[in-house]
């Protein structure tokens, strides 16, 4: 009895030992369990191990994702800024050829991303906001100057074509004169050669005939001064006067098309100007678009001055449009004007202009 019980006990102990060894082996090689780490003294608990893993993931996302976020943000900001600049130019100038459809890539919601991806997305968004402000101003200026260059090239092409045609005509006339002179030289040489080669027949000398006496010229009677004075002088031929060439309309310069109002976003605590230029309506000339409706048309008349190209004050009759933040003037003649907006101008809520604004506006006319 004792031998059988002792054998059964030893067998049970052996089975338990084998089970523990197998469990520890599987736990170490497959799951890297925190229990084994506690046995070896590597870690305190599962919470501390998970906290270390999360800390490493966040630091890794910030460190590795920063450069990639800056690259993607700069590329996206430049593309969006270019599209916005072309769209603004098309809206302000009415040039449909420069209009572009704004295309934005759809971004997934942060709630749909994992913890590490959320950290990388937030970092990319923060970097994109910082880079977009730097890139947008540069790209918008480049797009505007490219549009101004295209306008200048279009205005210069007809003048260049006319100058080229005039130069071609003058060169053609000079070439025709040279050809005529070159053709005259061989003709003269051939005539001289013919005269030298043809022998002249000798002429028999004959007695010269007596020269007849020439009659003496009779003097005409002097005209009577009274009769001469009474005759009216013949009228001088008059040449038909050529019609005067039409005066060329003045063209805007690059300075006239450059925005002089704040292009960056302004706070809601102040009043500012969004656009100044030629009105689109036929019965209006100058248009000013503010960030909020002005206090009244009388306030606009008191605090907004318009000067012509000679520095003289232009009397303006302001009127409101469908948009209360837009005020327009009566039709103006073609030319360059200077708009001066005083800082004391306020909106309907009493908010004052952020600063005094002054800049040119070119009216093309219709």
Foldseek 3Di string as FASTA:
>chain_A
DVVVVVVVVVVVVVVVVVVVVVVVVCCCPPPVDVVVCVVVVNDDDPVVVVVVVLVVLLVCLLVVLQVVLLVVLLVQLLVQLLQVLLCVCCVVVVDPVSHDDRDDDDDDDLVVDDPSVSSSVVSSVVSSVVNSVVNNVVNSVVNLVVVQVVVVVVVCVVVVVVVVVVVVVVVVVVVVVVVVVVVVVVVVVVVVVVVVVDDDDDDDDDDDDDDDDDDDDDDDDDDDPVVVVVDDDDDDDDDDDDDDDDDDADDDHSQQSDDQWDPDDDDPLAKGWDDWEADPDQFFGIKTAIPAAWQDQVLCQVFKWKAFPVRHTDDWDWDADPHNRMITTGHDDFGKMKMWGQQQTAHNVRHTHPHITMGMYTTHHD
